[in-house]
Amino acid sequence: MGKIIDPRKFGLHPKTVIEDIGKDRFAIVIMRKSRIIMSDGKKILEKAEKIRTYHPRAKIGLKTSAPLCSKTVAFLREHKIEII
């Protein structure tokens, strides 16, 4: 497990969990049981874009224990967000 970063550093809500998983690599962590659907995917993309404004070369991933909707997986991959 990587180092947890203060999300306010990126202008995100304090309850957002951001993990530093390597050089210029960050993971948005969502631990829940309910499925991640497209509306969640759009919010994840917004968070990733905020991180990229502070770190333009950053590679963003999504670390989750929840099942993902297949459309959401395709949407996130299209926007270069890795599913971890």
N, C-alpha and C. Protein backbone atom coordinates (compact mmCIF):
# COMPACT_ATOMS: atom_id res chain seq x y z
N MET A 1 0.85 -1.18 0.00
CA MET A 1 0.00 0.00 0.00
C MET A 1 0.88 1.23 0.00
N GLY A 2 0.51 2.21 -0.83
CA GLY A 2 1.28 3.44 -0.94
C GLY A 2 0.97 4.42 0.17
N LYS A 3 1.59 5.56 0.07
CA LYS A 3 1.42 6.62 1.06
C LYS A 3 0.15 7.42 0.76
N ILE A 4 -0.67 7.63 1.79
CA ILE A 4 -1.90 8.41 1.64
C ILE A 4 -1.52 9.89 1.58
N ILE A 5 -2.11 10.60 0.61
CA ILE A 5 -1.82 12.02 0.40
C ILE A 5 -3.05 12.83 0.79
N ASP A 6 -2.81 14.03 1.31
CA ASP A 6 -3.90 14.94 1.66
C ASP A 6 -4.58 15.40 0.38
N PRO A 7 -5.86 15.09 0.19
CA PRO A 7 -6.55 15.44 -1.06
C PRO A 7 -6.71 16.95 -1.25
N ARG A 8 -6.66 17.71 -0.16
CA ARG A 8 -6.79 19.16 -0.27
C ARG A 8 -5.63 19.77 -1.05
N LYS A 9 -4.52 19.03 -1.11
CA LYS A 9 -3.36 19.47 -1.89
C LYS A 9 -3.72 19.61 -3.37
N PHE A 10 -4.71 18.83 -3.81
CA PHE A 10 -5.16 18.85 -5.20
C PHE A 10 -6.49 19.59 -5.37
N GLY A 11 -6.99 20.19 -4.29
CA GLY A 11 -8.26 20.90 -4.36
C GLY A 11 -9.46 19.97 -4.32
N LEU A 12 -9.27 18.79 -3.75
CA LEU A 12 -10.35 17.80 -3.65
C LEU A 12 -10.97 17.80 -2.26
N HIS A 13 -12.15 17.20 -2.15
CA HIS A 13 -12.85 17.09 -0.88
C HIS A 13 -11.98 16.29 0.11
N PRO A 14 -11.95 16.71 1.38
CA PRO A 14 -11.10 16.03 2.38
C PRO A 14 -11.38 14.55 2.58
N LYS A 15 -12.58 14.07 2.25
CA LYS A 15 -12.88 12.65 2.43
C LYS A 15 -12.40 11.78 1.28
N THR A 16 -11.91 12.41 0.22
CA THR A 16 -11.36 11.66 -0.92
C THR A 16 -10.05 11.01 -0.48
N VAL A 17 -9.87 9.74 -0.84
CA VAL A 17 -8.65 9.04 -0.47
C VAL A 17 -7.77 8.95 -1.72
N ILE A 18 -6.58 9.56 -1.62
CA ILE A 18 -5.60 9.55 -2.71
C ILE A 18 -4.35 8.86 -2.18
N GLU A 19 -3.84 7.92 -2.97
CA GLU A 19 -2.66 7.15 -2.56
C GLU A 19 -1.53 7.41 -3.57
N ASP A 20 -0.34 7.67 -3.07
CA ASP A 20 0.84 7.81 -3.91
C ASP A 20 1.40 6.41 -4.11
N ILE A 21 1.36 5.91 -5.34
CA ILE A 21 1.78 4.52 -5.58
C ILE A 21 3.06 4.43 -6.40
N GLY A 22 3.75 5.53 -6.55
CA GLY A 22 5.01 5.52 -7.29
C GLY A 22 5.33 6.89 -7.84
N LYS A 23 6.40 6.97 -8.59
CA LYS A 23 6.81 8.26 -9.16
C LYS A 23 5.76 8.73 -10.17
N ASP A 24 5.13 9.85 -9.87
CA ASP A 24 4.07 10.44 -10.70
C ASP A 24 2.92 9.47 -10.93
N ARG A 25 2.66 8.59 -9.97
CA ARG A 25 1.53 7.66 -10.05
C ARG A 25 0.67 7.81 -8.80
N PHE A 26 -0.62 8.01 -9.03
CA PHE A 26 -1.56 8.20 -7.94
C PHE A 26 -2.76 7.29 -8.15
N ALA A 27 -3.37 6.87 -7.03
CA ALA A 27 -4.57 6.03 -7.10
C ALA A 27 -5.68 6.71 -6.29
N ILE A 28 -6.84 6.77 -6.89
CA ILE A 28 -8.05 7.20 -6.19
C ILE A 28 -8.62 5.93 -5.57
N VAL A 29 -8.79 5.92 -4.26
CA VAL A 29 -9.21 4.70 -3.55
C VAL A 29 -10.69 4.81 -3.19
N ILE A 30 -11.46 3.81 -3.61
CA ILE A 30 -12.89 3.74 -3.27
C ILE A 30 -13.15 2.35 -2.73
N MET A 31 -13.41 2.25 -1.45
CA MET A 31 -13.72 0.96 -0.83
C MET A 31 -15.18 0.95 -0.40
N ARG A 32 -15.96 0.20 -1.15
CA ARG A 32 -17.37 0.03 -0.85
C ARG A 32 -17.86 -1.26 -1.50
N LYS A 33 -19.08 -1.64 -1.19
CA LYS A 33 -19.61 -2.88 -1.72
C LYS A 33 -20.49 -2.67 -2.95
N SER A 34 -21.08 -1.48 -3.06
CA SER A 34 -22.00 -1.24 -4.18
C SER A 34 -21.25 -0.98 -5.48
N ARG A 35 -21.87 -1.32 -6.57
CA ARG A 35 -21.29 -1.22 -7.91
C ARG A 35 -20.92 0.23 -8.26
N ILE A 36 -19.82 0.39 -8.96
CA ILE A 36 -19.42 1.70 -9.46
C ILE A 36 -20.01 1.84 -10.86
N ILE A 37 -20.89 2.85 -11.02
CA ILE A 37 -21.59 3.04 -12.29
C ILE A 37 -21.06 4.29 -12.99
N MET A 38 -21.63 4.60 -14.14
CA MET A 38 -21.13 5.68 -14.97
C MET A 38 -21.11 7.04 -14.26
N SER A 39 -22.12 7.34 -13.44
CA SER A 39 -22.11 8.62 -12.73
C SER A 39 -20.91 8.69 -11.78
N ASP A 40 -20.55 7.57 -11.18
CA ASP A 40 -19.35 7.52 -10.34
C ASP A 40 -18.10 7.70 -11.21
N GLY A 41 -18.11 7.09 -12.39
CA GLY A 41 -16.98 7.20 -13.31
C GLY A 41 -16.71 8.64 -13.70
N LYS A 42 -17.76 9.40 -13.92
CA LYS A 42 -17.60 10.82 -14.29
C LYS A 42 -17.00 11.61 -13.12
N LYS A 43 -17.41 11.29 -11.90
CA LYS A 43 -16.83 11.95 -10.72
C LYS A 43 -15.37 11.57 -10.55
N ILE A 44 -15.04 10.32 -10.82
CA ILE A 44 -13.64 9.86 -10.74
C ILE A 44 -12.80 10.61 -11.77
N LEU A 45 -13.35 10.79 -12.98
CA LEU A 45 -12.63 11.52 -14.01
C LEU A 45 -12.38 12.97 -13.58
N GLU A 46 -13.38 13.61 -12.96
CA GLU A 46 -13.21 14.98 -12.47
C GLU A 46 -12.08 15.05 -11.45
N LYS A 47 -12.02 14.08 -10.56
CA LYS A 47 -10.96 14.05 -9.56
C LYS A 47 -9.60 13.84 -10.22
N ALA A 48 -9.55 12.96 -11.21
CA ALA A 48 -8.30 12.69 -11.93
C ALA A 48 -7.82 13.95 -12.65
N GLU A 49 -8.74 14.69 -13.24
CA GLU A 49 -8.37 15.92 -13.95
C GLU A 49 -7.82 16.96 -12.99
N LYS A 50 -8.38 17.04 -11.78
CA LYS A 50 -7.85 17.97 -10.78
C LYS A 50 -6.44 17.59 -10.38
N ILE A 51 -6.19 16.30 -10.22
CA ILE A 51 -4.84 15.83 -9.89
C ILE A 51 -3.89 16.18 -11.03
N ARG A 52 -4.35 15.99 -12.26
CA ARG A 52 -3.49 16.27 -13.43
C ARG A 52 -3.19 17.76 -13.59
N THR A 53 -4.02 18.64 -13.04
CA THR A 53 -3.70 20.07 -13.13
C THR A 53 -2.49 20.39 -12.26
N TYR A 54 -2.30 19.65 -11.17
CA TYR A 54 -1.16 19.85 -10.29
C TYR A 54 0.06 19.03 -10.72
N HIS A 55 -0.19 17.87 -11.32
CA HIS A 55 0.87 16.98 -11.81
C HIS A 55 0.52 16.58 -13.25
N PRO A 56 0.90 17.39 -14.23
CA PRO A 56 0.49 17.12 -15.62
C PRO A 56 0.92 15.75 -16.16
N ARG A 57 2.03 15.21 -15.69
CA ARG A 57 2.50 13.90 -16.18
C ARG A 57 1.99 12.75 -15.33
N ALA A 58 1.13 13.01 -14.38
CA ALA A 58 0.66 11.98 -13.45
C ALA A 58 -0.14 10.89 -14.16
N LYS A 59 0.09 9.67 -13.73
CA LYS A 59 -0.71 8.54 -14.18
C LYS A 59 -1.66 8.22 -13.04
N ILE A 60 -2.94 8.18 -13.37
CA ILE A 60 -3.98 8.01 -12.35
C ILE A 60 -4.57 6.60 -12.47
N GLY A 61 -4.80 6.00 -11.31
CA GLY A 61 -5.45 4.69 -11.26
C GLY A 61 -6.63 4.73 -10.31
N LEU A 62 -7.48 3.76 -10.42
CA LEU A 62 -8.60 3.59 -9.51
C LEU A 62 -8.39 2.29 -8.76
N LYS A 63 -8.30 2.38 -7.45
CA LYS A 63 -8.14 1.20 -6.59
C LYS A 63 -9.47 1.00 -5.88
N THR A 64 -10.10 -0.13 -6.14
CA THR A 64 -11.43 -0.34 -5.57
C THR A 64 -11.68 -1.81 -5.26
N SER A 65 -12.59 -2.03 -4.34
CA SER A 65 -13.03 -3.38 -4.02
C SER A 65 -14.42 -3.63 -4.60
N ALA A 66 -15.01 -2.60 -5.18
CA ALA A 66 -16.37 -2.70 -5.71
C ALA A 66 -16.37 -3.21 -7.14
N PRO A 67 -17.45 -3.88 -7.53
CA PRO A 67 -17.58 -4.26 -8.94
C PRO A 67 -17.80 -3.02 -9.80
N LEU A 68 -17.35 -3.06 -11.06
CA LEU A 68 -17.51 -1.93 -11.96
C LEU A 68 -18.40 -2.30 -13.13
N CYS A 69 -19.23 -1.37 -13.52
CA CYS A 69 -20.06 -1.50 -14.71
C CYS A 69 -19.13 -1.55 -15.93
N SER A 70 -19.41 -2.38 -16.91
CA SER A 70 -18.53 -2.53 -18.07
C SER A 70 -18.39 -1.23 -18.86
N LYS A 71 -19.46 -0.44 -18.95
CA LYS A 71 -19.37 0.86 -19.64
C LYS A 71 -18.43 1.79 -18.88
N THR A 72 -18.46 1.74 -17.57
CA THR A 72 -17.59 2.58 -16.75
C THR A 72 -16.14 2.18 -16.92
N VAL A 73 -15.86 0.89 -17.00
CA VAL A 73 -14.50 0.41 -17.22
C VAL A 73 -13.98 0.96 -18.55
N ALA A 74 -14.79 0.86 -19.60
CA ALA A 74 -14.39 1.36 -20.92
C ALA A 74 -14.18 2.87 -20.88
N PHE A 75 -15.07 3.59 -20.19
CA PHE A 75 -14.98 5.04 -20.06
C PHE A 75 -13.68 5.46 -19.36
N LEU A 76 -13.36 4.80 -18.26
CA LEU A 76 -12.15 5.15 -17.51
C LEU A 76 -10.89 4.82 -18.31
N ARG A 77 -10.88 3.69 -18.97
CA ARG A 77 -9.71 3.32 -19.79
C ARG A 77 -9.53 4.30 -20.95
N GLU A 78 -10.62 4.75 -21.52
CA GLU A 78 -10.58 5.71 -22.61
C GLU A 78 -9.91 7.01 -22.16
N HIS A 79 -10.11 7.36 -20.89
CA HIS A 79 -9.53 8.57 -20.32
C HIS A 79 -8.23 8.30 -19.58
N LYS A 80 -7.61 7.16 -19.87
CA LYS A 80 -6.30 6.77 -19.34
C LYS A 80 -6.27 6.69 -17.81
N ILE A 81 -7.33 6.10 -17.25
CA ILE A 81 -7.38 5.83 -15.82
C ILE A 81 -7.34 4.31 -15.66
N GLU A 82 -6.27 3.84 -15.04
CA GLU A 82 -6.04 2.41 -14.88
C GLU A 82 -6.91 1.85 -13.74
N ILE A 83 -7.43 0.66 -13.92
CA ILE A 83 -8.19 -0.02 -12.86
C ILE A 83 -7.21 -0.94 -12.13
N ILE A 84 -7.05 -0.72 -10.82
CA ILE A 84 -6.10 -1.50 -10.03
C ILE A 84 -6.87 -2.48 -9.16
